[in-house]
C-alpha atoms as a PDB file:
ATOM      1  CA  MET A   1     -12.191 -16.319 -43.017  1.00  0.00           C
ATOM      2  CA  ASN A   2     -14.977 -14.078 -44.694  1.00  0.00           C
ATOM      3  CA  TRP A   3     -15.571 -10.975 -44.305  1.00  0.00           C
ATOM      4  CA  ILE A   4     -18.898 -11.411 -42.176  1.00  0.00           C
ATOM      5  CA  ALA A   5     -16.815 -13.255 -39.325  1.00  0.00           C
ATOM      6  CA  ARG A   6     -13.904 -10.513 -39.740  1.00  0.00           C
ATOM      7  CA  ILE A   7     -16.667  -8.024 -38.602  1.00  0.00           C
ATOM      8  CA  VAL A   8     -17.953  -9.637 -35.685  1.00  0.00           C
ATOM      9  CA  MET A   9     -14.312 -10.194 -34.398  1.00  0.00           C
ATOM     10  CA  GLY A  10     -13.256  -6.718 -34.999  1.00  0.00           C
ATOM     11  CA  LEU A  11     -16.816  -5.600 -33.234  1.00  0.00           C
ATOM     12  CA  LEU A  12     -15.903  -7.924 -30.690  1.00  0.00           C
ATOM     13  CA  GLY A  13     -12.384  -6.528 -30.206  1.00  0.00           C
ATOM     14  CA  LEU A  14     -13.636  -2.878 -29.848  1.00  0.00           C
ATOM     15  CA  GLY A  15     -16.516  -3.597 -27.517  1.00  0.00           C
ATOM     16  CA  PHE A  16     -13.833  -5.421 -25.227  1.00  0.00           C
ATOM     17  CA  LEU A  17     -11.393  -2.302 -25.275  1.00  0.00           C
ATOM     18  CA  ALA A  18     -14.595   0.006 -24.689  1.00  0.00           C
ATOM     19  CA  ALA A  19     -15.136  -2.284 -21.756  1.00  0.00           C
ATOM     20  CA  LEU A  20     -11.775  -2.046 -20.946  1.00  0.00           C
ATOM     21  CA  LEU A  21     -11.889   1.720 -21.054  1.00  0.00           C
ATOM     22  CA  LEU A  22     -14.880   2.459 -19.195  1.00  0.00           C
ATOM     23  CA  GLY A  23     -13.688   0.367 -16.042  1.00  0.00           C
ATOM     24  CA  LEU A  24     -10.697   2.216 -16.077  1.00  0.00           C
ATOM     25  CA  LEU A  25     -12.773   5.219 -15.800  1.00  0.00           C
ATOM     26  CA  CYS A  26     -15.026   4.475 -13.465  1.00  0.00           C
ATOM     27  CA  TYR A  27     -11.512   2.846 -11.220  1.00  0.00           C
ATOM     28  CA  THR A  28     -10.377   6.426 -11.284  1.00  0.00           C
ATOM     29  CA  VAL A  29     -13.562   8.038 -10.856  1.00  0.00           C
ATOM     30  CA  PHE A  30     -13.472   6.137  -7.858  1.00  0.00           C
ATOM     31  CA  ALA A  31     -10.501   6.724  -6.549  1.00  0.00           C
ATOM     32  CA  THR A  32     -10.320  10.089  -6.565  1.00  0.00           C
ATOM     33  CA  VAL A  33     -13.641  10.230  -4.761  1.00  0.00           C
ATOM     34  CA  ARG A  34     -12.479   8.307  -2.019  1.00  0.00           C
ATOM     35  CA  TRP A  35      -9.236  10.062  -1.740  1.00  0.00           C
ATOM     36  CA  LEU A  36     -10.920  13.092  -1.271  1.00  0.00           C
ATOM     37  CA  LEU A  37     -13.546  11.759   1.406  1.00  0.00           C
ATOM     38  CA  THR A  38     -11.085  10.059   3.416  1.00  0.00           C
ATOM     39  CA  GLY A  39      -7.266  11.976   2.498  1.00  0.00           C
ATOM     40  CA  ARG A  40      -5.748   8.405   1.425  1.00  0.00           C
ATOM     41  CA  LYS A  41      -3.842   8.426  -1.641  1.00  0.00           C
ATOM     42  CA  PRO A  42      -4.852   5.640  -3.852  1.00  0.00           C
ATOM     43  CA  GLN A  43      -2.138   2.877  -3.874  1.00  0.00           C
ATOM     44  CA  VAL A  44      -1.482   3.807  -7.953  1.00  0.00           C
ATOM     45  CA  VAL A  45      -0.420   7.141  -6.887  1.00  0.00           C
ATOM     46  CA  MET A  46       1.861   5.622  -4.008  1.00  0.00           C
ATOM     47  CA  VAL A  47       3.751   3.154  -6.086  1.00  0.00           C
ATOM     48  CA  TRP A  48       4.290   5.797  -8.875  1.00  0.00           C
ATOM     49  CA  GLN A  49       5.215   8.241  -6.074  1.00  0.00           C
ATOM     50  CA  GLN A  50       7.782   5.201  -5.089  1.00  0.00           C
ATOM     51  CA  PHE A  51       8.936   4.845  -8.259  1.00  0.00           C
ATOM     52  CA  SER A  52       9.714   8.644  -9.259  1.00  0.00           C
ATOM     53  CA  ALA A  53      11.908   8.412  -5.626  1.00  0.00           C
ATOM     54  CA  MET A  54      13.514   5.056  -6.775  1.00  0.00           C
ATOM     55  CA  ARG A  55      14.474   6.629 -10.139  1.00  0.00           C
ATOM     56  CA  GLN A  56      15.463   9.723  -8.581  1.00  0.00           C
ATOM     57  CA  GLY A  57      17.757   7.618  -6.495  1.00  0.00           C
ATOM     58  CA  PHE A  58      19.400   6.161  -9.844  1.00  0.00           C
ATOM     59  CA  LYS A  59      20.084   9.527 -11.191  1.00  0.00           C
ATOM     60  CA  GLN A  60      22.468  10.698  -8.505  1.00  0.00           C
ATOM     61  CA  GLY A  61      23.964   7.642  -8.239  1.00  0.00           C
ATOM     62  CA  GLY A  62      22.633   4.640  -6.809  1.00  0.00           C
ATOM     63  CA  PHE A  63      20.236   3.193  -4.031  1.00  0.00           C
ATOM     64  CA  GLY A  64      20.404   6.481  -1.753  1.00  0.00           C
ATOM     65  CA  ALA A  65      24.381   7.351  -2.835  1.00  0.00           C
ATOM     66  CA  GLY A  66      26.422   9.183  -0.364  1.00  0.00           C
ATOM     67  CA  SER A  67      23.224   8.871   2.446  1.00  0.00           C
ATOM     68  CA  GLY A  68      24.085   5.699   3.720  1.00  0.00           C
ATOM     69  CA  GLN A  69      20.103   4.517   2.596  1.00  0.00           C
ATOM     70  CA  GLY A  70      19.309   1.350   0.756  1.00  0.00           C
ATOM     71  CA  PHE A  71      15.927   0.559  -0.352  1.00  0.00           C
ATOM     72  CA  GLY A  72      14.704  -1.079   2.849  1.00  0.00           C
ATOM     73  CA  SER A  73      16.390   1.845   5.635  1.00  0.00           C
ATOM     74  CA  PRO A  74      14.098   4.336   5.941  1.00  0.00           C
ATOM     75  CA  LYS A  75      15.336   7.894   7.336  1.00  0.00           C
ATOM     76  CA  ARG A  76      16.305   7.418  10.877  1.00  0.00           C
ATOM     77  CA  GLN A  77      13.873  10.128  12.710  1.00  0.00           C
ATOM     78  CA  VAL A  78      15.383  11.428  16.481  1.00  0.00           C
ATOM     79  CA  SER A  79      12.017  11.890  18.931  1.00  0.00           C
ATOM     80  CA  PRO A  80      12.881  14.990  21.456  1.00  0.00           C
ATOM     81  CA  PHE A  81      11.143  12.368  23.789  1.00  0.00           C
ATOM     82  CA  ALA A  82      13.999   9.187  23.134  1.00  0.00           C
ATOM     83  CA  GLN A  83      16.553   8.445  26.352  1.00  0.00           C
ATOM     84  CA  ASP A  84      18.920   5.942  24.703  1.00  0.00           C
ATOM     85  CA  ASP A  85      18.729   3.210  21.761  1.00  0.00           C
ATOM     86  CA  GLN A  86      17.470   0.530  22.878  1.00  0.00           C
ATOM     87  CA  VAL A  87      14.608  -1.699  21.768  1.00  0.00           C
ATOM     88  CA  VAL A  88      12.429  -3.520  24.350  1.00  0.00           C
ATOM     89  CA  ASP A  89      10.757  -6.687  23.136  1.00  0.00           C
ATOM     90  CA  VAL A  90       9.017  -8.132  26.137  1.00  0.00           C
ATOM     91  CA  GLU A  91       8.496  -6.516  29.244  1.00  0.00           C
ATOM     92  CA  VAL A  92       8.162  -8.023  32.814  1.00  0.00           C
ATOM     93  CA  ARG A  93       5.132  -8.198  34.829  1.00  0.00           C
ATOM     94  CA  GLU A  94       3.689  -9.687  37.964  1.00  0.00           C
ATOM     95  CA  VAL A  95       1.103 -12.370  37.611  1.00  0.00           C
ATOM     96  CA  VAL A  96      -1.282 -11.947  40.194  1.00  0.00           C
ATOM     97  CA  GLU A  97      -2.287 -15.660  41.385  1.00  0.00           C
ATOM     98  CA  ASP A  98      -5.793 -14.008  42.993  1.00  0.00           C
ATOM     99  CA  ALA A  99      -6.487 -11.619  39.729  1.00  0.00           C
ATOM    100  CA  PRO A 100     -10.155 -11.827  39.094  1.00  0.00           C
ATOM    101  CA  ARG A 101     -11.468 -14.127  36.409  1.00  0.00           C
ATOM    102  CA  LEU A 102     -14.378 -14.961  34.404  1.00  0.00           C
ATOM    103  CA  PRO A 103     -16.779 -17.126  35.636  1.00  0.00           C
ATOM    104  CA  PRO A 104     -16.602 -20.993  33.788  1.00  0.00           C
ATOM    105  CA  ARG A 105     -18.925 -21.207  31.063  1.00  0.00           C
ATOM    106  CA  GLN A 106     -22.708 -22.471  31.990  1.00  0.00           C
ATOM    107  CA  LYS A 107     -23.435 -25.807  29.468  1.00  0.00           C
ATOM    108  CA  ASP A 108     -26.310 -25.557  28.384  1.00  0.00           C
END
């Protein structure tokens, strides 16, 4: 490969790197402004916080050793309004036959 081709390829590589860094900078500015306006943290921040929490858990002896908590089990919060620990999947309700219904569609 001659020296001109090497210079051209080097300049193309530097241009690609500059475009990549500019795109990263634009995303960072956009995510920060959106965070300030909406109050929702960017996904990158959320992932980093979860990663840090997992790393702290591993340093302390595993997946949350001593607390009985794993990766997928959130800490249990007891509501002052909770009466029992039953989960209701379906509630039964009466179906009334004479309930008002929409009229049939008119075919044009």
